[in-house]
Amino acid sequence: MLTEHFARVIIVERDELSGEWAGDPEADPREREVRRGVPQGRHAHGLLAAGLNVVEQLFPRAAAELVAAGVPSGDVLGNVRFCANGYRLRQVPSGMTALSFSRPYLENYLRAKVFALPGVEVWSGTDIVDLAADEGGARVTGAAVQRRDGGAVQTIAADLVVDATGRGSRAPRWLADLGYERPREERLYVDLAYVSRHYKVDPASLDGDIAIIIGPSAAAPRGGAVMLQEAGRAVITLFGILGDHAPVDDAGYRAYAGRLPLPYVADIIEASVPLDDPVKFRYPGSVRHRYDRLRRFPKGFVVLGDAMCSFNPMYGQGMSVAAVEALRLGDALARDGGAGFDALRFFRTVRPVVDIPWQIATGGDAALPGVDGPRDARTRMVNRYLDRLYASAAHDEVVSLAFSRVTNLLDPPTALLRPAIAARVLGRRGQAAA
């Protein structure tokens, strides 16, 4: 997006990066290497329909190129077995494309596309040390950077500095150093842990699906996912909250999978050949920095992606939300111009983009036992309604499709309360009781 509005775009990244993408993960295993700055890259990742739409808009034919290179694809609902609250949602064609890939492979593909854009310069192996600003701190004028292998601190002058450094962003501290208020934080502690392992999986064992996702339920707050990947591999990720974490030994890993709410993941594990040892990744909880509620903010600076809001990865929202925010950033730059860019206005514009997945993630977490989330009457009512919706979606393709569009960030959660959907959800429960 930035190349459409600036003649020169400098990417500063702490890891050493390559702009090459061979497109053959079997011939070149580097396509699957997990870089240090993305330790979660070993685990299951998904690009929701909203996120894939952005990728396709920015890089036309991206999905076709990835599929041609061996990335499994299918329909978001028709070929993804999604289970919620102990129910397997009915699978029907949705018209939404799903890709099933490893995080490093998708990163390598997109990085090669970005690095090839005119005006893009990459400073890899480099840390951002601080912001540079004018004497009064009213405008950020660049970034102070330093090579990780040593050397003097250098300042890169810039009309706009974009902080996309992720969950560990130091923007709140930098703002305070410039005399600005830190953004208020909203947190929901879940103590999530992912434990993942790669397998040689017979695709036929998935009965035409490219992925299986079992979400946690109040009765069993743990889950798992099987995702086919490029090069004939699959990743199987088991996850649990509040200390209920999968073991990293073979027997414990398999036993944990056997206690998921439904047997689909455990069945694949028992029928497949492991390619490596289980690896663990811990995630303390969702964090949202409320930049949208600040009254003052310096010119020439903006924050987006996980640096703005980091979601529980169990819901697979992070990459897609960041992609949509990038589109909105382009819209704001087209409206304001580079020099006149108003970050506060941008933060308020993207508030709904963040509100919806935040509501989905924190609402889902708050329904799990032991999570210290909202317990007001409204939350209890919504969770009771969702319990009915999951039961209905197991049989009703209309309800299943409506739920899928919401979880893929195409429709707001309020779409599930529309009269036509509510009648099917509430009516089915009533008929069952009768």
Protein backbone atom coordinates (compact mmCIF):
# COMPACT_ATOMS: atom_id res chain seq x y z
CA MET A 1 0.00 0.00 0.00
CA LEU A 2 2.80 2.42 0.82
CA THR A 3 4.40 2.12 -2.61
CA GLU A 4 1.24 3.61 -4.12
CA HIS A 5 1.76 6.83 -2.15
CA PHE A 6 5.52 7.19 -1.58
CA ALA A 7 8.46 7.06 -4.01
CA ARG A 8 10.64 5.17 -1.54
CA VAL A 9 9.62 2.60 1.07
CA ILE A 10 12.22 1.22 3.49
CA ILE A 11 11.42 -2.02 5.33
CA VAL A 12 13.37 -2.40 8.57
CA GLU A 13 13.34 -5.97 9.92
CA ARG A 14 15.32 -7.57 12.72
CA ASP A 15 15.60 -10.95 10.95
CA GLU A 16 17.76 -11.57 7.91
CA LEU A 17 15.33 -11.71 4.99
CA SER A 18 15.50 -13.05 1.47
CA GLY A 19 13.29 -11.83 -1.34
CA GLU A 20 13.51 -15.12 -3.20
CA TRP A 21 10.63 -17.53 -3.69
CA ALA A 22 11.38 -20.64 -5.71
CA GLY A 23 7.85 -21.98 -5.46
CA ASP A 24 9.08 -25.54 -4.88
CA PRO A 25 9.11 -26.41 -1.17
CA GLU A 26 10.24 -29.98 -1.83
CA ALA A 27 13.30 -28.89 -3.78
CA ASP A 28 14.11 -25.98 -1.46
CA PRO A 29 13.31 -26.63 2.23
CA ARG A 30 14.23 -23.00 3.02
CA GLU A 31 10.70 -22.17 1.85
CA ARG A 32 9.54 -23.71 5.15
CA GLU A 33 12.12 -22.24 7.50
CA VAL A 34 10.66 -20.44 10.50
CA ARG A 35 12.39 -17.13 11.17
CA ARG A 36 13.31 -16.17 14.70
CA GLY A 37 11.00 -13.17 14.83
CA VAL A 38 7.94 -15.36 14.16
CA PRO A 39 8.19 -18.28 16.62
CA GLN A 40 4.49 -18.99 16.06
CA GLY A 41 5.37 -19.78 12.44
CA ARG A 42 5.74 -23.48 13.27
CA HIS A 43 2.07 -23.76 14.16
CA ALA A 44 -1.20 -23.87 12.24
CA HIS A 45 -2.14 -20.63 10.51
CA GLY A 46 -5.16 -19.62 8.51
CA LEU A 47 -5.96 -16.77 6.17
CA LEU A 48 -9.64 -15.94 6.52
CA ALA A 49 -11.72 -15.09 3.45
CA ALA A 50 -11.44 -11.37 4.23
CA GLY A 51 -7.65 -11.63 4.36
CA LEU A 52 -7.37 -13.65 1.16
CA ASN A 53 -9.57 -11.09 -0.57
CA VAL A 54 -7.04 -8.38 0.35
CA VAL A 55 -4.10 -10.45 -0.88
CA GLU A 56 -5.90 -11.07 -4.17
CA GLN A 57 -6.71 -7.37 -4.50
CA LEU A 58 -3.11 -6.31 -3.97
CA PHE A 59 -1.53 -9.20 -5.86
CA PRO A 60 -3.98 -10.48 -8.50
CA ARG A 61 -3.84 -14.24 -9.13
CA ALA A 62 -1.99 -14.85 -5.87
CA ALA A 63 -4.25 -17.74 -4.91
CA ALA A 64 -3.88 -19.34 -8.34
CA GLU A 65 -0.09 -19.04 -8.18
CA LEU A 66 0.05 -20.61 -4.72
CA VAL A 67 -2.25 -23.45 -5.74
CA ALA A 68 -0.15 -24.07 -8.86
CA ALA A 69 2.90 -24.32 -6.59
CA GLY A 70 1.23 -27.04 -4.51
CA VAL A 71 -0.71 -25.24 -1.78
CA PRO A 72 -3.90 -27.23 -0.97
CA SER A 73 -7.10 -25.31 -1.66
CA GLY A 74 -10.82 -25.76 -1.33
CA ASP A 75 -13.99 -24.10 -0.11
CA VAL A 76 -13.95 -22.30 3.25
CA LEU A 77 -16.98 -24.24 4.45
CA GLY A 78 -17.31 -27.10 1.99
CA ASN A 79 -13.75 -28.36 2.50
CA VAL A 80 -12.95 -27.23 6.03
CA ARG A 81 -14.38 -29.38 8.82
CA PHE A 82 -15.17 -26.85 11.53
CA CYS A 83 -16.37 -27.97 14.94
CA ALA A 84 -17.65 -25.57 17.59
CA ASN A 85 -18.85 -26.35 21.11
CA GLY A 86 -18.84 -30.06 20.37
CA TYR A 87 -20.84 -29.77 17.13
CA ARG A 88 -19.57 -30.37 13.61
CA LEU A 89 -20.98 -27.59 11.45
CA ARG A 90 -22.72 -28.67 8.30
CA GLN A 91 -20.41 -28.42 5.29
CA VAL A 92 -21.80 -26.86 2.14
CA PRO A 93 -20.21 -24.83 -0.67
CA SER A 94 -19.86 -21.19 0.37
CA GLY A 95 -18.19 -19.71 -2.70
CA MET A 96 -15.27 -18.58 -0.51
CA THR A 97 -11.81 -19.92 -1.31
CA ALA A 98 -9.61 -21.43 1.40
CA LEU A 99 -5.87 -22.05 1.18
CA SER A 100 -4.02 -24.37 3.55
CA PHE A 101 -0.33 -23.50 3.87
CA SER A 102 2.56 -23.16 6.28
CA ARG A 103 3.14 -19.66 7.62
CA PRO A 104 6.75 -19.48 6.32
CA TYR A 105 5.70 -20.51 2.81
CA LEU A 106 3.04 -17.80 2.57
CA GLU A 107 5.46 -15.24 4.04
CA ASN A 108 8.13 -16.12 1.49
CA TYR A 109 5.66 -15.76 -1.37
CA LEU A 110 4.34 -12.38 -0.22
CA ARG A 111 7.80 -11.11 0.69
CA ALA A 112 9.06 -11.84 -2.82
CA LYS A 113 6.10 -9.91 -4.25
CA VAL A 114 6.68 -6.94 -1.97
CA PHE A 115 10.43 -6.80 -2.44
CA ALA A 116 9.94 -6.72 -6.22
CA LEU A 117 7.82 -3.55 -6.05
CA PRO A 118 9.45 -0.37 -7.36
CA GLY A 119 10.95 1.85 -4.69
CA VAL A 120 11.17 -0.84 -1.99
CA GLU A 121 14.43 -1.03 -0.03
CA VAL A 122 15.07 -3.63 2.69
CA TRP A 123 17.24 -3.22 5.77
CA SER A 124 17.22 -6.70 7.27
CA GLY A 125 19.13 -7.78 10.37
CA THR A 126 18.35 -4.34 11.78
CA ASP A 127 16.60 -3.17 14.96
CA ILE A 128 14.50 -0.04 15.35
CA VAL A 129 15.99 1.66 18.39
CA ASP A 130 13.77 4.74 18.68
CA LEU A 131 11.72 7.30 16.82
CA ALA A 132 13.20 10.54 15.56
CA ALA A 133 11.05 13.64 15.98
CA ASP A 134 11.16 17.39 15.59
CA GLU A 135 12.09 19.59 18.53
CA GLY A 136 8.57 19.87 19.92
CA GLY A 137 7.65 16.24 19.31
CA ALA A 138 4.73 17.26 17.11
CA ARG A 139 5.97 15.24 14.14
CA VAL A 140 7.92 12.01 13.83
CA THR A 141 10.64 12.60 11.26
CA GLY A 142 12.13 9.12 10.97
CA ALA A 143 13.49 6.14 12.88
CA ALA A 144 16.79 5.45 14.63
CA VAL A 145 18.07 2.00 13.65
CA GLN A 146 21.05 -0.23 14.39
CA ARG A 147 22.41 -3.38 12.78
CA ARG A 148 22.02 -6.40 15.06
CA ASP A 149 25.66 -7.39 14.44
CA GLY A 150 26.83 -4.04 15.79
CA GLY A 151 27.69 -0.65 14.42
CA ALA A 152 26.57 2.90 15.02
CA VAL A 153 22.94 3.98 15.35
CA GLN A 154 21.69 5.55 12.13
CA THR A 155 18.63 7.69 11.55
CA ILE A 156 16.43 7.05 8.53
CA ALA A 157 14.48 10.18 7.62
CA ALA A 158 10.87 9.50 6.64
CA ASP A 159 7.63 11.31 5.91
CA LEU A 160 5.73 8.44 7.56
CA VAL A 161 6.89 5.74 9.98
CA VAL A 162 4.64 2.68 10.18
CA ASP A 163 4.99 0.46 13.25
CA ALA A 164 4.11 -3.08 12.18
CA THR A 165 6.50 -4.68 14.68
CA GLY A 166 3.86 -6.93 16.22
CA ARG A 167 2.87 -7.73 19.76
CA GLY A 168 6.20 -6.53 21.16
CA SER A 169 5.78 -3.01 19.76
CA ARG A 170 7.53 -0.30 21.77
CA ALA A 171 5.26 2.44 20.43
CA PRO A 172 3.58 3.12 23.80
CA ARG A 173 6.98 3.80 25.38
CA TRP A 174 8.13 5.89 22.44
CA LEU A 175 4.99 7.99 22.67
CA ALA A 176 5.56 8.55 26.38
CA ASP A 177 9.15 9.61 25.70
CA LEU A 178 7.81 12.23 23.27
CA GLY A 179 5.40 13.55 25.90
CA TYR A 180 2.23 11.81 24.72
CA GLU A 181 -0.23 9.73 26.67
CA ARG A 182 0.17 5.97 26.41
CA PRO A 183 -2.84 4.22 24.86
CA ARG A 184 -5.04 2.42 27.35
CA GLU A 185 -4.71 -1.37 27.23
CA GLU A 186 -7.47 -3.95 27.24
CA ARG A 187 -6.34 -7.47 28.12
CA LEU A 188 -7.92 -10.88 28.47
CA TYR A 189 -5.63 -13.48 30.04
CA VAL A 190 -6.07 -17.02 28.69
CA ASP A 191 -2.61 -18.66 29.07
CA LEU A 192 -2.96 -20.42 25.73
CA ALA A 193 -0.38 -22.91 24.52
CA TYR A 194 -0.03 -24.37 21.03
CA VAL A 195 1.82 -27.68 20.62
CA SER A 196 2.42 -28.58 16.98
CA ARG A 197 3.93 -31.42 15.01
CA HIS A 198 4.34 -32.09 11.30
CA TYR A 199 3.09 -35.34 9.82
CA LYS A 200 3.01 -37.25 6.59
CA VAL A 201 -0.76 -37.47 6.13
CA ASP A 202 -2.72 -39.35 3.50
CA PRO A 203 -5.07 -36.63 2.14
CA ALA A 204 -7.72 -39.30 1.56
CA SER A 205 -8.00 -39.69 5.34
CA LEU A 206 -9.58 -36.22 5.48
CA ASP A 207 -12.43 -37.26 3.13
CA GLY A 208 -11.95 -34.34 0.76
CA ASP A 209 -11.27 -31.72 3.43
CA ILE A 210 -8.11 -29.62 3.47
CA ALA A 211 -8.37 -28.78 7.17
CA ILE A 212 -10.06 -29.93 10.35
CA ILE A 213 -10.57 -27.46 13.19
CA ILE A 214 -11.98 -28.46 16.58
CA GLY A 215 -12.67 -25.45 18.77
CA PRO A 216 -12.83 -25.58 22.56
CA SER A 217 -16.11 -25.87 24.42
CA ALA A 218 -17.19 -25.04 27.95
CA ALA A 219 -17.20 -28.77 28.70
CA ALA A 220 -13.76 -29.31 27.14
CA PRO A 221 -11.76 -26.06 26.82
CA ARG A 222 -9.12 -27.49 24.49
CA GLY A 223 -8.95 -27.95 20.74
CA GLY A 224 -6.91 -28.98 17.77
CA ALA A 225 -6.39 -28.49 14.07
CA VAL A 226 -5.15 -30.51 11.11
CA MET A 227 -4.05 -28.48 8.11
CA LEU A 228 -2.69 -29.93 4.90
CA GLN A 229 0.30 -27.97 3.62
CA GLU A 230 2.55 -27.67 0.63
CA ALA A 231 5.10 -30.43 -0.08
CA GLY A 232 2.71 -33.18 0.98
CA ARG A 233 2.99 -32.37 4.68
CA ALA A 234 0.43 -31.49 7.30
CA VAL A 235 0.68 -29.64 10.59
CA ILE A 236 -1.32 -30.83 13.57
CA THR A 237 -1.71 -28.29 16.37
CA LEU A 238 -3.23 -29.02 19.77
CA PHE A 239 -4.15 -26.11 22.03
CA GLY A 240 -5.48 -25.52 25.50
CA ILE A 241 -5.89 -22.68 27.96
CA LEU A 242 -5.17 -21.88 31.61
CA GLY A 243 -2.44 -24.45 32.02
CA ASP A 244 -4.28 -27.29 30.27
CA HIS A 245 -1.51 -27.60 27.70
CA ALA A 246 -0.65 -30.54 25.49
CA PRO A 247 2.51 -32.45 26.45
CA VAL A 248 5.48 -32.45 24.07
CA ASP A 249 6.24 -36.19 24.37
CA ASP A 250 4.71 -38.57 21.84
CA ALA A 251 2.50 -40.54 24.21
CA GLY A 252 1.25 -37.45 26.05
CA TYR A 253 0.57 -35.60 22.80
CA ARG A 254 -1.52 -38.46 21.44
CA ALA A 255 -3.38 -38.92 24.72
CA TYR A 256 -4.23 -35.21 24.85
CA ALA A 257 -5.62 -35.36 21.30
CA GLY A 258 -7.75 -38.33 22.34
CA ARG A 259 -9.49 -36.16 24.92
CA LEU A 260 -10.62 -33.45 22.48
CA PRO A 261 -14.39 -32.88 22.22
CA LEU A 262 -14.52 -34.80 18.91
CA PRO A 263 -12.25 -37.59 17.57
CA TYR A 264 -11.30 -36.25 14.13
CA VAL A 265 -7.85 -34.89 15.00
CA ALA A 266 -6.88 -37.90 17.10
CA ASP A 267 -7.92 -40.23 14.28
CA ILE A 268 -5.59 -38.42 11.82
CA ILE A 269 -2.70 -38.56 14.30
CA GLU A 270 -3.05 -42.29 14.76
CA ALA A 271 -3.21 -42.88 10.99
CA SER A 272 -0.22 -40.66 10.11
CA VAL A 273 3.59 -40.67 10.34
CA PRO A 274 5.27 -37.95 12.46
CA LEU A 275 8.06 -36.00 10.76
CA ASP A 276 9.42 -34.13 13.79
CA ASP A 277 8.97 -33.65 17.52
CA PRO A 278 6.16 -31.57 19.04
CA VAL A 279 7.03 -27.90 19.59
CA LYS A 280 5.33 -25.60 22.11
CA PHE A 281 4.37 -21.92 21.81
CA ARG A 282 2.71 -19.98 24.65
CA TYR A 283 0.46 -16.97 24.31
CA PRO A 284 -0.60 -15.18 27.51
CA GLY A 285 -3.69 -13.39 26.20
CA SER A 286 -5.30 -10.91 23.83
CA VAL A 287 -4.10 -7.30 24.08
CA ARG A 288 -5.66 -4.23 22.51
CA HIS A 289 -3.98 -0.82 22.62
CA ARG A 290 -6.71 1.81 22.33
CA TYR A 291 -4.98 4.26 19.99
CA ASP A 292 -8.45 5.14 18.75
CA ARG A 293 -9.21 6.79 22.11
CA LEU A 294 -6.19 9.06 22.30
CA ARG A 295 -6.71 12.81 21.96
CA ARG A 296 -3.17 13.63 20.76
CA PHE A 297 -0.83 11.76 18.47
CA PRO A 298 2.27 12.89 16.55
CA LYS A 299 2.14 13.48 12.82
CA GLY A 300 4.18 11.17 10.61
CA PHE A 301 3.59 8.02 12.66
CA VAL A 302 1.04 5.19 12.68
CA VAL A 303 0.62 1.76 14.28
CA LEU A 304 -1.18 -1.25 12.80
CA GLY A 305 -1.47 -5.04 12.92
CA ASP A 306 -0.60 -6.86 16.14
CA ALA A 307 1.11 -3.70 17.37
CA MET A 308 -2.38 -2.23 17.61
CA CYS A 309 -4.31 -5.34 18.64
CA SER A 310 -3.09 -8.89 19.22
CA PHE A 311 -5.84 -11.52 19.17
CA ASN A 312 -5.93 -14.98 20.69
CA PRO A 313 -4.49 -16.97 17.73
CA MET A 314 -6.99 -19.75 18.36
CA TYR A 315 -9.43 -17.77 16.19
CA GLY A 316 -7.03 -17.30 13.26
CA GLN A 317 -7.75 -13.58 12.83
CA GLY A 318 -4.41 -11.76 13.11
CA MET A 319 -3.09 -11.90 9.54
CA SER A 320 -6.47 -11.12 8.01
CA VAL A 321 -7.17 -8.15 10.28
CA ALA A 322 -3.72 -6.71 9.51
CA ALA A 323 -4.40 -7.12 5.78
CA VAL A 324 -7.70 -5.23 6.00
CA GLU A 325 -6.02 -2.50 8.06
CA ALA A 326 -3.43 -2.14 5.29
CA LEU A 327 -6.21 -1.46 2.79
CA ARG A 328 -7.71 1.15 5.11
CA LEU A 329 -4.28 2.75 5.47
CA GLY A 330 -4.14 3.09 1.68
CA ASP A 331 -7.57 4.71 1.70
CA ALA A 332 -6.45 7.19 4.37
CA LEU A 333 -3.28 8.09 2.47
CA ALA A 334 -5.28 8.60 -0.73
CA ARG A 335 -7.57 10.95 1.19
CA ASP A 336 -5.03 12.85 3.30
CA GLY A 337 -1.82 12.54 1.27
CA GLY A 338 1.46 11.50 2.88
CA ALA A 339 2.26 14.82 4.55
CA GLY A 340 -1.29 15.41 5.75
CA PHE A 341 -1.91 11.89 7.04
CA ASP A 342 -3.98 11.96 10.24
CA ALA A 343 -3.24 8.90 12.37
CA LEU A 344 -6.00 9.62 14.91
CA ARG A 345 -8.54 9.71 12.13
CA PHE A 346 -7.12 6.45 10.77
CA PHE A 347 -7.34 4.75 14.19
CA ARG A 348 -11.00 5.71 14.47
CA THR A 349 -11.70 4.60 10.91
CA VAL A 350 -10.30 1.11 11.54
CA ARG A 351 -11.99 0.79 14.94
CA PRO A 352 -14.82 -1.36 13.46
CA VAL A 353 -12.21 -3.51 11.68
CA VAL A 354 -10.75 -4.35 15.10
CA ASP A 355 -14.00 -4.29 17.10
CA ILE A 356 -15.55 -7.27 15.30
CA PRO A 357 -12.71 -9.81 15.66
CA TRP A 358 -12.02 -8.52 19.18
CA GLN A 359 -15.65 -9.19 20.09
CA ILE A 360 -15.48 -12.66 18.53
CA ALA A 361 -12.22 -13.60 20.28
CA THR A 362 -12.87 -12.15 23.73
CA GLY A 363 -16.51 -13.24 23.69
CA GLY A 364 -15.51 -16.79 22.80
CA ASP A 365 -12.82 -16.84 25.48
CA ALA A 366 -15.13 -15.40 28.14
CA ALA A 367 -17.50 -18.33 27.58
CA LEU A 368 -14.80 -20.79 28.67
CA PRO A 369 -14.62 -21.82 32.34
CA GLY A 370 -11.93 -20.10 34.36
CA VAL A 371 -11.38 -17.18 31.96
CA ASP A 372 -11.79 -13.89 33.80
CA GLY A 373 -13.94 -12.21 31.16
CA PRO A 374 -17.24 -10.33 31.25
CA ARG A 375 -20.03 -12.18 33.04
CA ASP A 376 -22.85 -9.65 32.69
CA ALA A 377 -26.39 -10.53 31.66
CA ARG A 378 -25.78 -9.53 28.04
CA THR A 379 -22.74 -11.81 27.74
CA ARG A 380 -24.62 -14.74 29.28
CA MET A 381 -27.52 -14.19 26.89
CA VAL A 382 -25.23 -14.06 23.84
CA ASN A 383 -23.43 -17.24 24.91
CA ARG A 384 -26.73 -19.08 25.39
CA TYR A 385 -27.80 -17.98 21.92
CA LEU A 386 -24.49 -19.16 20.44
CA ASP A 387 -24.94 -22.56 22.08
CA ARG A 388 -28.21 -22.90 20.18
CA LEU A 389 -26.67 -21.55 17.01
CA TYR A 390 -23.91 -24.19 17.01
CA ALA A 391 -26.48 -26.95 17.51
CA SER A 392 -28.55 -25.55 14.65
CA ALA A 393 -25.54 -25.10 12.36
CA ALA A 394 -24.77 -28.80 12.67
CA HIS A 395 -27.91 -29.48 10.59
CA ASP A 396 -28.93 -26.21 8.97
CA GLU A 397 -26.77 -25.09 6.04
CA VAL A 398 -28.19 -21.57 6.12
CA VAL A 399 -27.11 -21.08 9.74
CA SER A 400 -23.77 -22.77 9.10
CA LEU A 401 -23.04 -20.46 6.16
CA ALA A 402 -24.07 -17.36 8.14
CA PHE A 403 -21.70 -18.37 10.95
CA SER A 404 -18.88 -19.02 8.48
CA ARG A 405 -19.26 -15.57 6.91
CA VAL A 406 -18.99 -13.97 10.35
CA THR A 407 -15.92 -15.96 11.42
CA ASN A 408 -14.29 -15.13 8.07
CA LEU A 409 -14.83 -11.40 8.84
CA LEU A 410 -17.13 -10.82 5.86
CA ASP A 411 -20.23 -10.10 7.96
CA PRO A 412 -20.54 -8.54 11.43
CA PRO A 413 -21.63 -10.72 14.39
CA THR A 414 -25.00 -8.95 14.33
CA ALA A 415 -25.72 -10.87 11.11
CA LEU A 416 -26.33 -13.92 13.31
CA LEU A 417 -29.18 -12.06 15.04
CA ARG A 418 -31.07 -11.20 11.87
CA PRO A 419 -34.67 -12.39 12.05
CA ALA A 420 -34.25 -14.99 9.30
CA ILE A 421 -31.29 -16.59 11.11
CA ALA A 422 -32.69 -16.19 14.64
CA ALA A 423 -35.92 -17.90 13.62
CA ARG A 424 -34.00 -20.93 12.39
CA VAL A 425 -31.79 -21.03 15.49
CA LEU A 426 -34.53 -20.63 18.07
CA GLY A 427 -37.12 -22.59 16.13
CA ARG A 428 -34.89 -25.63 15.82
CA ARG A 429 -34.33 -25.79 19.55
CA GLY A 430 -38.01 -25.49 20.15
CA GLN A 431 -38.79 -28.30 17.70
CA ALA A 432 -36.14 -30.52 19.28
CA ALA A 433 -37.65 -29.97 22.71
CA ALA A 434 -41.08 -30.83 21.41
